[in-house]
Structure formats: structure tokens, C-alpha cells
Amino acid sequence: MAEEKKPTEETKVKQGQEEKTFTISQVAEMMNVAPSTLRYYDKEGLLPNIKRVNGIRIFEVKDFRWLKVLTCLKNTGMPIRRIKEYAKLAQEGDKTINERYQLIKDQRQLVLDQIDQLNYYMKELDYKEWYYETALKLGSEGPLLEKRHPSIDDIEEVPEKLDVKELMKERNQDNG
């Protein structure tokens, strides 16, 4: 007769099969979040399906999908009150699919707007990097300041090349 395995903190017996379970510290490490974040989510009612054994939160593999969604929503800037709304709707099942769809669609649009803003900032940083790289090659900002440069709103991309010799020649003519 085979020896019967006893469930531990990390495993439980379910219909003759072992199912892996995880502590809050293990989940935090795997999800790259602080344990305090998971405790906060639990306190806020965002982890309604987490089981407890002797007061210890026990996570199952199926809980990771929900945690991934929560992390995504939070990391894309969704306020906790909206995440709570989403979680409540998810608990209600199919009758709230439309509301959940709209909530996700709205959040996606906010993320797209953030990406547009970040792309604008990246364009400014690219321009400034080019500017200072060119100034270093010239040994001065002078020739760059003398030329009219379009505002960042007017340029599509950073100038590919700048004829440094030509700028130096112009600079010497202006000074001579």
C-alpha cells in the first residue's frame, strides 16, 4: 500500500491530485511585487478567492491570472476604486461583460494617450541628445545656436547628419 502524502503549506490534496499552492512571499517574488502590495489588495477586497489556512493566505495557480490582470490595471494607472469596480463586476459574471469591456476599453485608450505623450517626450530627448552630441563634436554650442533650428513640434525626427566641417568653416568666417 502506497504511503499517503500529507498536505503541506505548498501542496494540498484535491481529488487524488496534488495542486501547487504558494505563500504570499512566493507569489510576491514571482509577480515582482511587494508582499505588502498583495496584502493591500486583499484588504481592499481585490483578492476574493484567496484561501486562508490558519490565517495564512494560500494562493493557487489559478489566482495568478487574476493577479496578472490586477497588476496590469494598476501599472497602467487605473485608480484602486476603478479596479475595485472591475473586480466587483468580474465576480458578477456574464451579465457584466459589457461593463467590463467598456472599462478595459477606456483604460486602453488612456494607455494609448500616455504612449503618445511619451513618444513626444522621446522625440524631444532624441533631439537634445543629437544637439549635445553635435556640440561635443564641434567643441561648442555656438554654431548650433547661430543656425535656426525648428521647434520640437516641427520636426519629425532628429537630423541624420550635420556637416561639422561646414559649420566650423562658417564659424571661422564669422569670427574672422
C-alpha atoms as a PDB file:
ATOM      1  CA  MET A   1       0.000   0.000   0.000  1.00  0.00           C
ATOM      2  CA  ALA A   2       1.415   3.395  -1.034  1.00  0.00           C
ATOM      3  CA  GLU A   3       2.218   5.858   1.678  1.00  0.00           C
ATOM      4  CA  GLU A   4      -0.306   8.695   1.746  1.00  0.00           C
ATOM      5  CA  LYS A   5       1.198  12.172   1.335  1.00  0.00           C
ATOM      6  CA  LYS A   6       0.198  14.807   3.843  1.00  0.00           C
ATOM      7  CA  PRO A   7      -0.678  18.249   2.517  1.00  0.00           C
ATOM      8  CA  THR A   8       1.930  20.876   3.343  1.00  0.00           C
ATOM      9  CA  GLU A   9       1.791  24.661   3.107  1.00  0.00           C
ATOM     10  CA  GLU A  10       2.809  24.365  -0.522  1.00  0.00           C
ATOM     11  CA  THR A  11       0.603  21.482  -1.607  1.00  0.00           C
ATOM     12  CA  LYS A  12      -2.891  20.291  -0.997  1.00  0.00           C
ATOM     13  CA  VAL A  13      -4.618  17.119  -1.986  1.00  0.00           C
ATOM     14  CA  LYS A  14      -7.564  17.625  -4.293  1.00  0.00           C
ATOM     15  CA  GLN A  15      -9.418  14.629  -5.675  1.00  0.00           C
ATOM     16  CA  GLY A  16      -6.306  12.485  -5.510  1.00  0.00           C
ATOM     17  CA  GLN A  17      -4.108  15.051  -7.311  1.00  0.00           C
ATOM     18  CA  GLU A  18      -1.641  17.434  -5.767  1.00  0.00           C
ATOM     19  CA  GLU A  19      -2.177  21.050  -6.670  1.00  0.00           C
ATOM     20  CA  LYS A  20       0.655  23.505  -6.100  1.00  0.00           C
ATOM     21  CA  THR A  21      -0.083  26.367  -3.741  1.00  0.00           C
ATOM     22  CA  PHE A  22       2.004  29.362  -2.813  1.00  0.00           C
ATOM     23  CA  THR A  23       2.518  31.684   0.129  1.00  0.00           C
ATOM     24  CA  ILE A  24       2.253  35.432  -0.192  1.00  0.00           C
ATOM     25  CA  SER A  25       6.053  35.787  -0.198  1.00  0.00           C
ATOM     26  CA  GLN A  26       6.416  33.293  -3.026  1.00  0.00           C
ATOM     27  CA  VAL A  27       3.712  34.996  -5.077  1.00  0.00           C
ATOM     28  CA  ALA A  28       5.213  38.422  -4.439  1.00  0.00           C
ATOM     29  CA  GLU A  29       8.591  37.239  -5.685  1.00  0.00           C
ATOM     30  CA  MET A  30       7.134  35.547  -8.769  1.00  0.00           C
ATOM     31  CA  MET A  31       4.956  38.553  -9.641  1.00  0.00           C
ATOM     32  CA  ASN A  32       7.694  41.070  -8.806  1.00  0.00           C
ATOM     33  CA  VAL A  33       5.512  42.959  -6.335  1.00  0.00           C
ATOM     34  CA  ALA A  34       5.938  43.616  -2.643  1.00  0.00           C
ATOM     35  CA  PRO A  35       4.112  41.302  -0.225  1.00  0.00           C
ATOM     36  CA  SER A  36       2.596  44.459   1.274  1.00  0.00           C
ATOM     37  CA  THR A  37       1.006  45.188  -2.125  1.00  0.00           C
ATOM     38  CA  LEU A  38      -0.690  41.791  -2.113  1.00  0.00           C
ATOM     39  CA  ARG A  39      -1.839  42.314   1.484  1.00  0.00           C
ATOM     40  CA  TYR A  40      -3.232  45.709   0.474  1.00  0.00           C
ATOM     41  CA  TYR A  41      -5.094  44.165  -2.482  1.00  0.00           C
ATOM     42  CA  ASP A  42      -6.514  41.560  -0.123  1.00  0.00           C
ATOM     43  CA  LYS A  43      -7.539  44.204   2.424  1.00  0.00           C
ATOM     44  CA  GLU A  44      -9.250  46.188  -0.344  1.00  0.00           C
ATOM     45  CA  GLY A  45     -11.250  43.128  -1.382  1.00  0.00           C
ATOM     46  CA  LEU A  46      -9.434  42.648  -4.671  1.00  0.00           C
ATOM     47  CA  LEU A  47      -8.469  39.047  -3.917  1.00  0.00           C
ATOM     48  CA  PRO A  48     -11.833  37.496  -3.064  1.00  0.00           C
ATOM     49  CA  ASN A  49     -10.861  33.930  -3.980  1.00  0.00           C
ATOM     50  CA  ILE A  50      -7.702  33.663  -1.900  1.00  0.00           C
ATOM     51  CA  LYS A  51      -7.997  30.939   0.683  1.00  0.00           C
ATOM     52  CA  ARG A  52      -6.623  31.105   4.181  1.00  0.00           C
ATOM     53  CA  VAL A  53      -5.236  28.273   6.254  1.00  0.00           C
ATOM     54  CA  ASN A  54      -4.635  29.207   9.887  1.00  0.00           C
ATOM     55  CA  GLY A  55      -4.642  32.881   8.865  1.00  0.00           C
ATOM     56  CA  ILE A  56      -2.045  32.360   6.124  1.00  0.00           C
ATOM     57  CA  ARG A  57      -3.030  33.412   2.617  1.00  0.00           C
ATOM     58  CA  ILE A  58      -2.748  30.483   0.221  1.00  0.00           C
ATOM     59  CA  PHE A  59      -2.560  31.201  -3.496  1.00  0.00           C
ATOM     60  CA  GLU A  60      -3.240  28.654  -6.204  1.00  0.00           C
ATOM     61  CA  VAL A  61      -2.047  28.626  -9.812  1.00  0.00           C
ATOM     62  CA  LYS A  62      -5.464  29.873 -10.976  1.00  0.00           C
ATOM     63  CA  ASP A  63      -5.009  33.010  -8.838  1.00  0.00           C
ATOM     64  CA  PHE A  64      -2.049  34.142 -10.926  1.00  0.00           C
ATOM     65  CA  ARG A  65      -4.222  35.113 -13.903  1.00  0.00           C
ATOM     66  CA  TRP A  66      -6.305  37.409 -11.702  1.00  0.00           C
ATOM     67  CA  LEU A  67      -3.165  38.866 -10.101  1.00  0.00           C
ATOM     68  CA  LYS A  68      -1.723  39.500 -13.562  1.00  0.00           C
ATOM     69  CA  VAL A  69      -4.863  41.458 -14.512  1.00  0.00           C
ATOM     70  CA  LEU A  70      -4.768  43.456 -11.251  1.00  0.00           C
ATOM     71  CA  THR A  71      -1.088  44.247 -11.752  1.00  0.00           C
ATOM     72  CA  CYS A  72      -1.714  45.306 -15.348  1.00  0.00           C
ATOM     73  CA  LEU A  73      -4.564  47.614 -14.379  1.00  0.00           C
ATOM     74  CA  LYS A  74      -2.579  49.166 -11.541  1.00  0.00           C
ATOM     75  CA  ASN A  75       0.594  49.567 -13.612  1.00  0.00           C
ATOM     76  CA  THR A  76      -1.346  51.303 -16.378  1.00  0.00           C
ATOM     77  CA  GLY A  77      -2.554  53.892 -13.904  1.00  0.00           C
ATOM     78  CA  MET A  78      -6.045  52.677 -13.108  1.00  0.00           C
ATOM     79  CA  PRO A  79      -7.119  54.002  -9.694  1.00  0.00           C
ATOM     80  CA  ILE A  80      -7.883  51.435  -6.992  1.00  0.00           C
ATOM     81  CA  ARG A  81     -11.553  52.477  -6.910  1.00  0.00           C
ATOM     82  CA  ARG A  82     -11.870  51.576 -10.623  1.00  0.00           C
ATOM     83  CA  ILE A  83     -10.001  48.302 -10.080  1.00  0.00           C
ATOM     84  CA  LYS A  84     -12.469  47.533  -7.277  1.00  0.00           C
ATOM     85  CA  GLU A  85     -15.314  48.281  -9.661  1.00  0.00           C
ATOM     86  CA  TYR A  86     -13.785  45.932 -12.240  1.00  0.00           C
ATOM     87  CA  ALA A  87     -13.254  43.198  -9.621  1.00  0.00           C
ATOM     88  CA  LYS A  88     -16.855  43.509  -8.432  1.00  0.00           C
ATOM     89  CA  LEU A  89     -18.122  43.286 -11.998  1.00  0.00           C
ATOM     90  CA  ALA A  90     -15.931  40.242 -12.662  1.00  0.00           C
ATOM     91  CA  GLN A  91     -17.441  38.496  -9.637  1.00  0.00           C
ATOM     92  CA  GLU A  92     -20.923  39.063 -11.075  1.00  0.00           C
ATOM     93  CA  GLY A  93     -20.130  37.032 -14.190  1.00  0.00           C
ATOM     94  CA  ASP A  94     -21.510  37.213 -17.715  1.00  0.00           C
ATOM     95  CA  LYS A  95     -24.155  39.818 -17.026  1.00  0.00           C
ATOM     96  CA  THR A  96     -21.379  42.423 -16.632  1.00  0.00           C
ATOM     97  CA  ILE A  97     -19.326  41.602 -19.727  1.00  0.00           C
ATOM     98  CA  ASN A  98     -20.348  44.854 -21.436  1.00  0.00           C
ATOM     99  CA  GLU A  99     -19.394  46.991 -18.430  1.00  0.00           C
ATOM    100  CA  ARG A 100     -16.043  45.218 -18.071  1.00  0.00           C
ATOM    101  CA  TYR A 101     -15.396  45.578 -21.791  1.00  0.00           C
ATOM    102  CA  GLN A 102     -16.047  49.337 -21.596  1.00  0.00           C
ATOM    103  CA  LEU A 103     -13.847  49.723 -18.526  1.00  0.00           C
ATOM    104  CA  ILE A 104     -10.953  47.903 -20.237  1.00  0.00           C
ATOM    105  CA  LYS A 105     -11.517  49.813 -23.480  1.00  0.00           C
ATOM    106  CA  ASP A 106     -11.380  53.139 -21.595  1.00  0.00           C
ATOM    107  CA  GLN A 107      -8.187  52.104 -19.799  1.00  0.00           C
ATOM    108  CA  ARG A 108      -6.609  51.020 -23.070  1.00  0.00           C
ATOM    109  CA  GLN A 109      -7.332  54.456 -24.550  1.00  0.00           C
ATOM    110  CA  LEU A 110      -5.706  56.128 -21.548  1.00  0.00           C
ATOM    111  CA  VAL A 111      -2.611  53.970 -22.083  1.00  0.00           C
ATOM    112  CA  LEU A 112      -2.526  54.889 -25.788  1.00  0.00           C
ATOM    113  CA  ASP A 113      -2.698  58.569 -24.811  1.00  0.00           C
ATOM    114  CA  GLN A 114       0.192  58.026 -22.373  1.00  0.00           C
ATOM    115  CA  ILE A 115       2.208  56.322 -25.117  1.00  0.00           C
ATOM    116  CA  ASP A 116       1.613  59.295 -27.432  1.00  0.00           C
ATOM    117  CA  GLN A 117       2.803  61.667 -24.720  1.00  0.00           C
ATOM    118  CA  LEU A 118       5.879  59.525 -24.023  1.00  0.00           C
ATOM    119  CA  ASN A 119       6.678  59.385 -27.746  1.00  0.00           C
ATOM    120  CA  TYR A 120       6.547  63.189 -27.821  1.00  0.00           C
ATOM    121  CA  TYR A 121       8.961  63.352 -24.886  1.00  0.00           C
ATOM    122  CA  MET A 122      11.207  60.773 -26.551  1.00  0.00           C
ATOM    123  CA  LYS A 123      11.369  62.940 -29.661  1.00  0.00           C
ATOM    124  CA  GLU A 124      12.491  65.869 -27.510  1.00  0.00           C
ATOM    125  CA  LEU A 125      15.139  63.716 -25.804  1.00  0.00           C
ATOM    126  CA  ASP A 126      16.364  62.391 -29.172  1.00  0.00           C
ATOM    127  CA  TYR A 127      16.724  65.942 -30.430  1.00  0.00           C
ATOM    128  CA  LYS A 128      18.595  67.084 -27.329  1.00  0.00           C
ATOM    129  CA  GLU A 129      20.881  64.055 -27.492  1.00  0.00           C
ATOM    130  CA  TRP A 130      21.672  64.867 -31.128  1.00  0.00           C
ATOM    131  CA  TYR A 131      22.176  68.532 -30.260  1.00  0.00           C
ATOM    132  CA  TYR A 132      24.685  67.858 -27.472  1.00  0.00           C
ATOM    133  CA  GLU A 133      26.449  65.114 -29.413  1.00  0.00           C
ATOM    134  CA  THR A 134      26.933  67.566 -32.278  1.00  0.00           C
ATOM    135  CA  ALA A 135      28.043  70.329 -29.892  1.00  0.00           C
ATOM    136  CA  LEU A 136      30.637  67.950 -28.457  1.00  0.00           C
ATOM    137  CA  LYS A 137      31.957  67.223 -31.961  1.00  0.00           C
ATOM    138  CA  LEU A 138      32.119  70.955 -32.694  1.00  0.00           C
ATOM    139  CA  GLY A 139      33.616  71.783 -29.331  1.00  0.00           C
ATOM    140  CA  SER A 140      30.944  74.428 -28.795  1.00  0.00           C
ATOM    141  CA  GLU A 141      27.237  75.101 -28.983  1.00  0.00           C
ATOM    142  CA  GLY A 142      27.936  78.318 -30.860  1.00  0.00           C
ATOM    143  CA  PRO A 143      27.484  77.067 -34.419  1.00  0.00           C
ATOM    144  CA  LEU A 144      24.290  75.304 -33.432  1.00  0.00           C
ATOM    145  CA  LEU A 145      22.892  78.376 -31.714  1.00  0.00           C
ATOM    146  CA  GLU A 146      23.639  80.508 -34.767  1.00  0.00           C
ATOM    147  CA  LYS A 147      21.586  78.261 -37.040  1.00  0.00           C
ATOM    148  CA  ARG A 148      17.816  78.360 -36.834  1.00  0.00           C
ATOM    149  CA  HIS A 149      16.548  75.057 -35.568  1.00  0.00           C
ATOM    150  CA  PRO A 150      12.928  74.062 -35.773  1.00  0.00           C
ATOM    151  CA  SER A 151      10.993  73.622 -32.591  1.00  0.00           C
ATOM    152  CA  ILE A 152      10.479  70.055 -31.472  1.00  0.00           C
ATOM    153  CA  ASP A 153       6.856  70.313 -32.599  1.00  0.00           C
ATOM    154  CA  ASP A 154       8.004  70.988 -36.179  1.00  0.00           C
ATOM    155  CA  ILE A 155      10.424  68.108 -36.641  1.00  0.00           C
ATOM    156  CA  GLU A 156       9.523  64.532 -37.392  1.00  0.00           C
ATOM    157  CA  GLU A 157      12.890  63.067 -36.499  1.00  0.00           C
ATOM    158  CA  VAL A 158      16.348  64.104 -35.415  1.00  0.00           C
ATOM    159  CA  PRO A 159      18.576  65.349 -38.233  1.00  0.00           C
ATOM    160  CA  GLU A 160      20.591  62.416 -39.567  1.00  0.00           C
ATOM    161  CA  LYS A 161      23.842  64.229 -40.268  1.00  0.00           C
ATOM    162  CA  LEU A 162      25.279  67.609 -39.710  1.00  0.00           C
ATOM    163  CA  ASP A 163      28.232  68.734 -41.764  1.00  0.00           C
ATOM    164  CA  VAL A 164      30.521  69.612 -38.882  1.00  0.00           C
ATOM    165  CA  LYS A 165      33.259  70.872 -41.214  1.00  0.00           C
ATOM    166  CA  GLU A 166      30.830  73.268 -42.869  1.00  0.00           C
ATOM    167  CA  LEU A 167      29.673  74.596 -39.506  1.00  0.00           C
ATOM    168  CA  MET A 168      33.269  75.059 -38.353  1.00  0.00           C
ATOM    169  CA  LYS A 169      34.090  76.870 -41.618  1.00  0.00           C
ATOM    170  CA  GLU A 170      31.068  79.174 -41.162  1.00  0.00           C
ATOM    171  CA  ARG A 171      32.072  79.777 -37.553  1.00  0.00           C
ATOM    172  CA  ASN A 172      35.620  80.721 -38.544  1.00  0.00           C
ATOM    173  CA  GLN A 173      34.353  83.060 -41.306  1.00  0.00           C
ATOM    174  CA  ASP A 174      32.030  84.798 -38.841  1.00  0.00           C
ATOM    175  CA  ASN A 175      34.852  85.225 -36.319  1.00  0.00           C
ATOM    176  CA  GLY A 176      37.491  86.244 -38.879  1.00  0.00           C
END
